[in-house]
Amino acid sequence: MSNARDQVQRLLALVPYLREHDGARVDDVAADFGVRPKQIIADLKVLWFCGLPGAQMGDLIEIDIDAAEGEGVIHLNNADYLARPLRLAADEALALLTALRTLREVTAGADRDAVDRAIAKLETAAGAGAAAVEGAAAHVHVEPAAPEIAETVNRGLAGKRRLHLTYDVPSRDETTERDVDPMRLVVSEGRTYLEAWCRLAEDVRLFRLDRIAGVKLLDLPSEPPPEATPRDLSNGMFQPSECDLLATVSLAPPARWVAEYYPTESVKEGPQGSLIIQLRVADTSWLQRLVLRLGGSATVLEPADLGAQIANTAREALSAYDDLL
């Protein structure tokens, strides 16, 4: 069943298609667009009333279906203005170019060649604004993965085969070995992740491609269990859980930005312009690194033992630094 959004997308593609395939049969058009012939007929009835803003009846698109020529042959007229070449605004071209360059970092071989061709065509379509688009796009950074890693991961996804990963876990300063059933690639904040069913954790996990030290394509099918559903990442990569540790942190004025950058359970004003926030923490090592990076502008109030551990780590680091002087 076709909804209104599907029909609009189809109509936008149908007009240039019919200009290039004058006299196409209804059945052939329906097959190319993946719908039934009666849906194409319904779409054509809508096109009869389309044209440029302010157009009179004689200026609208004309559709002629000649049933005498066989099973319905379509002729489209009065749509010459649609032959004008596409010219993208700078922001539109930048958005597409950024997406393509992001896609390029997670493809390899023939797929990467296809992306390179699309980028070249996009730069041509941008016309006079191409230089501005190039300048802005140069500031967009996508963390690259090793080409051989990206290629093997893509082969696993395309062939639905299991992968063996050698994966670096910086939060625990260790390298792990695990088999995963790949599900999809996602890009967030300039980094590319493989979402997969991890047979070590027996759960869905996200693996940063630039942290995959090695990957092997196994001669086994990728078979995620029914409960392995893709995560909803519409609210960002970090998804706090009720099972995670609830930490209370005091933020001095220079660190108030943390309350806006990370998901919090509560935020309230503290003394001398500080903020007292509560947030869920799945990995205490992450919170420790954050507090140490803030250089005294953040203090963990609860759990108290975690706050003491972080303070002791800071003192040890300062002591080691003093020994070097």
Protein backbone atom coordinates (compact mmCIF):
# COMPACT_ATOMS: atom_id res chain seq x y z
CA MET A 1 0.00 0.00 0.00
CA SER A 2 1.34 3.44 -1.00
CA ASN A 3 1.01 6.38 1.40
CA ALA A 4 1.19 10.09 0.59
CA ARG A 5 4.92 10.35 1.34
CA ASP A 6 5.70 7.39 -0.92
CA GLN A 7 3.62 8.94 -3.69
CA VAL A 8 5.37 12.30 -3.48
CA GLN A 9 8.78 10.62 -3.67
CA ARG A 10 7.59 8.56 -6.61
CA LEU A 11 6.15 11.57 -8.46
CA LEU A 12 9.44 13.45 -8.11
CA ALA A 13 11.19 10.55 -9.83
CA LEU A 14 8.39 9.70 -12.25
CA VAL A 15 8.51 12.92 -14.29
CA PRO A 16 12.22 12.75 -15.23
CA TYR A 17 11.81 9.00 -15.79
CA LEU A 18 8.98 9.55 -18.32
CA ARG A 19 10.92 12.32 -20.04
CA GLU A 20 13.73 9.83 -20.64
CA HIS A 21 11.37 6.94 -21.52
CA ASP A 22 8.69 8.46 -23.72
CA GLY A 23 6.21 5.82 -24.78
CA ALA A 24 6.97 3.50 -21.85
CA ARG A 25 4.36 0.84 -21.06
CA VAL A 26 2.41 1.19 -17.82
CA ASP A 27 3.39 -2.34 -16.76
CA ASP A 28 7.08 -1.63 -17.33
CA VAL A 29 6.95 1.64 -15.38
CA ALA A 30 5.15 -0.09 -12.51
CA ALA A 31 7.79 -2.83 -12.45
CA ASP A 32 10.64 -0.29 -12.38
CA PHE A 33 9.03 1.59 -9.48
CA GLY A 34 8.04 -1.56 -7.57
CA VAL A 35 4.30 -0.83 -7.49
CA ARG A 36 1.17 -2.13 -9.22
CA PRO A 37 0.04 -0.68 -12.58
CA LYS A 38 -3.09 0.81 -11.00
CA GLN A 39 -0.84 2.81 -8.63
CA ILE A 40 1.03 4.29 -11.60
CA ILE A 41 -2.31 5.25 -13.17
CA ALA A 42 -3.29 6.95 -9.89
CA ASP A 43 0.05 8.81 -9.84
CA LEU A 44 -0.44 10.01 -13.41
CA LYS A 45 -3.86 11.41 -12.51
CA VAL A 46 -2.14 13.55 -9.88
CA LEU A 47 0.49 14.77 -12.36
CA TRP A 48 -2.26 16.15 -14.60
CA PHE A 49 -2.73 18.92 -12.02
CA CYS A 50 0.97 19.72 -11.47
CA GLY A 51 3.08 22.58 -12.79
CA LEU A 52 5.05 25.67 -11.81
CA PRO A 53 3.55 28.06 -9.22
CA GLY A 54 1.01 30.41 -10.83
CA ALA A 55 0.59 28.22 -13.91
CA GLN A 56 -2.72 28.26 -15.77
CA MET A 57 -4.54 25.14 -16.93
CA GLY A 58 -2.76 25.19 -20.27
CA ASP A 59 0.62 25.31 -18.53
CA LEU A 60 0.18 22.16 -16.42
CA ILE A 61 1.82 18.82 -17.18
CA GLU A 62 -0.05 16.82 -19.79
CA ILE A 63 -0.30 13.02 -19.60
CA ASP A 64 -1.53 10.86 -22.46
CA ILE A 65 -2.05 7.11 -22.07
CA ASP A 66 -2.58 5.50 -25.45
CA ALA A 67 -4.23 2.15 -24.82
CA ALA A 68 -4.46 1.48 -28.56
CA GLU A 69 -0.70 0.88 -28.69
CA GLY A 70 -0.92 -2.14 -26.40
CA GLU A 71 -1.21 -2.41 -22.64
CA GLY A 72 -1.17 1.34 -22.03
CA VAL A 73 1.65 3.52 -23.36
CA ILE A 74 2.49 6.77 -21.56
CA HIS A 75 3.39 10.08 -23.19
CA LEU A 76 4.30 13.12 -21.06
CA ASN A 77 4.17 16.66 -22.46
CA ASN A 78 4.44 20.27 -21.33
CA ALA A 79 7.17 19.51 -18.78
CA ASP A 80 10.16 20.95 -20.64
CA TYR A 81 11.02 23.23 -17.70
CA LEU A 82 11.95 20.12 -15.72
CA ALA A 83 14.87 19.54 -18.09
CA ARG A 84 16.83 22.38 -16.48
CA PRO A 85 19.96 21.04 -14.73
CA LEU A 86 19.91 20.69 -10.95
CA ARG A 87 21.59 23.49 -9.00
CA LEU A 88 21.94 22.92 -5.30
CA ALA A 89 22.14 25.63 -2.68
CA ALA A 90 25.45 25.68 -0.78
CA ASP A 91 23.91 24.25 2.41
CA GLU A 92 22.16 21.46 0.47
CA ALA A 93 25.35 20.52 -1.35
CA LEU A 94 27.34 20.63 1.90
CA ALA A 95 24.91 18.28 3.63
CA LEU A 96 25.05 15.78 0.78
CA LEU A 97 28.81 16.07 0.39
CA THR A 98 29.36 15.51 4.12
CA ALA A 99 27.12 12.44 4.05
CA LEU A 100 28.96 11.02 1.04
CA ARG A 101 32.39 11.59 2.58
CA THR A 102 31.20 9.91 5.75
CA LEU A 103 29.92 6.99 3.69
CA ARG A 104 33.26 6.84 1.85
CA GLU A 105 35.10 6.08 5.10
CA VAL A 106 33.08 2.90 5.69
CA THR A 107 33.15 1.52 2.13
CA ALA A 108 35.86 -0.11 0.08
CA GLY A 109 36.58 -1.41 -3.40
CA ALA A 110 33.91 -0.85 -6.06
CA ASP A 111 31.56 0.74 -3.52
CA ARG A 112 34.13 3.41 -2.70
CA ASP A 113 34.65 4.08 -6.40
CA ALA A 114 30.90 4.62 -6.76
CA VAL A 115 30.91 7.06 -3.84
CA ASP A 116 33.86 8.95 -5.39
CA ARG A 117 31.91 9.29 -8.64
CA ALA A 118 28.88 10.57 -6.75
CA ILE A 119 31.05 13.14 -4.95
CA ALA A 120 32.45 14.35 -8.29
CA LYS A 121 28.94 14.68 -9.74
CA LEU A 122 27.75 16.53 -6.66
CA GLU A 123 30.61 19.02 -6.92
CA THR A 124 29.61 19.63 -10.54
CA ALA A 125 25.95 20.03 -9.59
CA ALA A 126 26.92 22.60 -6.94
CA GLY A 127 28.02 24.88 -9.77
CA ALA A 128 29.45 28.22 -8.72
CA GLY A 129 29.03 27.37 -5.05
CA ALA A 130 31.36 24.37 -5.27
CA ALA A 131 34.35 26.28 -3.88
CA ALA A 132 32.40 27.43 -0.84
CA VAL A 133 31.09 23.92 -0.30
CA GLU A 134 34.60 22.48 -0.53
CA GLY A 135 35.90 24.99 2.00
CA ALA A 136 33.16 24.21 4.50
CA ALA A 137 33.39 20.47 3.96
CA ALA A 138 37.12 20.56 4.69
CA HIS A 139 36.27 21.36 8.32
CA VAL A 140 34.06 18.27 8.66
CA HIS A 141 36.09 15.51 10.30
CA VAL A 142 35.17 11.85 10.07
CA GLU A 143 37.37 9.46 12.07
CA PRO A 144 38.69 7.01 9.45
CA ALA A 145 39.01 3.28 9.86
CA ALA A 146 41.78 1.23 8.28
CA PRO A 147 40.69 0.41 4.69
CA GLU A 148 41.21 -3.33 5.18
CA ILE A 149 39.08 -3.24 8.34
CA ALA A 150 36.26 -1.36 6.59
CA GLU A 151 36.40 -3.70 3.59
CA THR A 152 36.15 -6.87 5.69
CA VAL A 153 33.34 -5.46 7.83
CA ASN A 154 31.42 -4.49 4.69
CA ARG A 155 31.94 -7.97 3.25
CA GLY A 156 30.54 -9.47 6.43
CA LEU A 157 27.49 -7.24 6.27
CA ALA A 158 26.89 -7.80 2.56
CA GLY A 159 27.40 -11.57 2.77
CA LYS A 160 25.65 -11.95 6.15
CA ARG A 161 28.65 -13.72 7.65
CA ARG A 162 30.03 -13.78 11.17
CA LEU A 163 33.13 -11.76 12.06
CA HIS A 164 35.93 -12.37 14.56
CA LEU A 165 37.08 -9.08 16.10
CA THR A 166 40.24 -8.13 17.92
CA TYR A 167 38.92 -5.07 19.71
CA ASP A 168 40.64 -2.43 21.85
CA VAL A 169 38.74 -1.33 24.97
CA PRO A 170 40.46 1.88 26.19
CA SER A 171 38.26 2.20 29.31
CA ARG A 172 39.73 -1.09 30.60
CA ASP A 173 43.09 -0.77 28.84
CA GLU A 174 42.72 -4.20 27.27
CA THR A 175 42.28 -5.93 23.93
CA THR A 176 39.53 -8.53 23.60
CA GLU A 177 38.75 -11.31 21.15
CA ARG A 178 35.12 -11.94 20.23
CA ASP A 179 32.83 -13.28 17.50
CA VAL A 180 30.01 -11.01 16.36
CA ASP A 181 27.05 -11.22 13.99
CA PRO A 182 27.06 -7.89 12.09
CA MET A 183 23.77 -5.99 11.84
CA ARG A 184 24.50 -2.51 10.44
CA LEU A 185 26.92 0.43 10.32
CA VAL A 186 26.02 3.72 12.01
CA VAL A 187 27.80 7.08 12.08
CA SER A 188 27.61 9.43 15.06
CA GLU A 189 29.68 12.48 15.99
CA GLY A 190 32.19 11.81 13.23
CA ARG A 191 32.81 8.18 14.19
CA THR A 192 31.66 4.98 12.52
CA TYR A 193 30.33 2.06 14.54
CA LEU A 194 29.52 -1.54 13.73
CA GLU A 195 26.35 -2.62 15.47
CA ALA A 196 26.38 -6.36 16.01
CA TRP A 197 25.23 -9.20 18.21
CA CYS A 198 28.26 -9.95 20.40
CA ARG A 199 28.55 -13.65 21.23
CA LEU A 200 30.90 -12.86 24.13
CA ALA A 201 28.50 -10.44 25.86
CA GLU A 202 25.37 -12.15 24.48
CA ASP A 203 23.91 -8.75 23.71
CA VAL A 204 23.84 -6.06 21.03
CA ARG A 205 27.03 -3.98 21.10
CA LEU A 206 28.48 -1.03 19.18
CA PHE A 207 32.11 -1.31 18.04
CA ARG A 208 34.03 1.73 16.83
CA LEU A 209 35.70 0.82 13.56
CA ASP A 210 38.87 2.75 14.40
CA ARG A 211 39.24 0.62 17.56
CA ILE A 212 39.02 -2.68 15.71
CA ALA A 213 42.65 -3.89 15.70
CA GLY A 214 41.89 -6.91 13.52
CA VAL A 215 38.92 -8.61 11.85
CA LYS A 216 38.46 -11.99 10.18
CA LEU A 217 35.59 -13.11 7.99
CA LEU A 218 34.39 -16.46 9.34
CA ASP A 219 32.86 -19.26 7.33
CA LEU A 220 29.71 -19.07 9.44
CA PRO A 221 26.41 -17.30 8.79
CA SER A 222 25.51 -14.14 10.68
CA GLU A 223 22.52 -15.18 12.77
CA PRO A 224 21.54 -12.56 15.37
CA PRO A 225 18.80 -13.94 17.65
CA PRO A 226 15.26 -12.49 17.51
CA GLU A 227 15.94 -10.25 20.51
CA ALA A 228 18.88 -8.58 18.72
CA THR A 229 17.10 -5.42 17.61
CA PRO A 230 18.93 -2.26 16.45
CA ARG A 231 19.23 0.41 19.08
CA ASP A 232 17.26 3.63 18.86
CA LEU A 233 20.05 6.20 18.46
CA SER A 234 17.80 9.20 17.81
CA ASN A 235 18.81 10.65 21.20
CA GLY A 236 22.53 10.01 20.75
CA MET A 237 24.95 7.16 21.22
CA PHE A 238 24.84 7.19 25.01
CA GLN A 239 21.60 5.63 26.26
CA PRO A 240 21.41 5.60 30.08
CA SER A 241 19.72 2.63 31.75
CA GLU A 242 17.95 2.27 35.07
CA CYS A 243 20.47 -0.47 35.84
CA ASP A 244 23.40 1.95 35.56
CA LEU A 245 25.06 3.55 38.57
CA LEU A 246 23.45 6.85 39.64
CA ALA A 247 26.21 9.38 40.38
CA THR A 248 25.94 12.85 41.89
CA VAL A 249 28.49 15.35 40.63
CA SER A 250 29.20 18.96 41.57
CA LEU A 251 30.19 21.15 38.62
CA ALA A 252 32.02 24.44 39.11
CA PRO A 253 31.08 27.26 36.66
CA PRO A 254 33.73 26.27 34.04
CA ALA A 255 32.21 22.77 33.88
CA ARG A 256 28.51 23.68 33.75
CA TRP A 257 28.48 22.65 30.08
CA VAL A 258 28.53 19.00 31.16
CA ALA A 259 24.87 19.29 32.24
CA GLU A 260 23.91 20.26 28.69
CA TYR A 261 26.21 17.84 26.86
CA TYR A 262 25.38 14.59 28.70
CA PRO A 263 21.97 13.09 29.63
CA THR A 264 21.14 13.85 33.26
CA GLU A 265 18.54 12.62 35.76
CA SER A 266 18.37 15.95 37.60
CA VAL A 267 20.03 19.38 37.62
CA LYS A 268 19.90 21.99 40.39
CA GLU A 269 21.80 25.12 41.29
CA GLY A 270 24.59 24.78 43.84
CA PRO A 271 26.64 27.30 45.82
CA GLN A 272 28.80 29.93 44.10
CA GLY A 273 27.40 29.35 40.62
CA SER A 274 27.96 25.59 40.61
CA LEU A 275 25.54 22.89 39.44
CA ILE A 276 24.65 19.66 41.20
CA ILE A 277 23.73 16.99 38.67
CA GLN A 278 22.73 13.34 38.79
CA LEU A 279 23.52 11.10 35.84
CA ARG A 280 23.55 7.40 35.03
CA VAL A 281 26.98 5.85 34.52
CA ALA A 282 27.45 2.47 32.85
CA ASP A 283 31.26 2.61 33.13
CA THR A 284 32.83 4.27 36.17
CA SER A 285 36.12 4.54 34.25
CA TRP A 286 34.37 6.92 31.84
CA LEU A 287 33.24 9.16 34.72
CA GLN A 288 36.73 9.07 36.22
CA ARG A 289 38.31 10.21 32.95
CA LEU A 290 35.72 12.99 32.61
CA VAL A 291 36.30 14.33 36.13
CA LEU A 292 40.10 14.20 35.77
CA ARG A 293 39.89 15.96 32.40
CA LEU A 294 37.91 18.79 34.00
CA GLY A 295 40.92 19.53 36.22
CA GLY A 296 39.29 20.27 39.55
CA SER A 297 36.07 21.78 38.16
CA ALA A 298 34.09 18.62 38.93
CA THR A 299 33.73 16.56 42.12
CA VAL A 300 31.90 13.25 42.54
CA LEU A 301 29.73 13.54 45.66
CA GLU A 302 28.00 10.16 45.41
CA PRO A 303 28.97 7.36 45.55
CA ALA A 304 31.48 8.62 48.09
CA ASP A 305 33.92 5.75 47.52
CA LEU A 306 34.06 6.54 43.79
CA GLY A 307 34.73 10.19 44.57
CA ALA A 308 37.55 9.19 46.93
CA GLN A 309 39.02 6.86 44.30
CA ILE A 310 39.06 9.62 41.69
CA ALA A 311 40.62 12.09 44.13
CA ASN A 312 43.33 9.55 45.00
CA THR A 313 44.06 8.97 41.29
CA ALA A 314 44.43 12.72 40.82
CA ARG A 315 46.85 12.99 43.74
CA GLU A 316 48.94 10.10 42.41
CA ALA A 317 49.10 11.74 38.98
CA LEU A 318 50.21 15.04 40.49
CA SER A 319 52.82 13.26 42.63
CA ALA A 320 54.24 11.49 39.59
CA TYR A 321 54.39 14.80 37.75
CA ASP A 322 56.24 16.41 40.68
CA ASP A 323 58.80 13.59 40.63
CA LEU A 324 59.68 14.50 37.06
CA LEU A 325 60.55 18.11 37.96
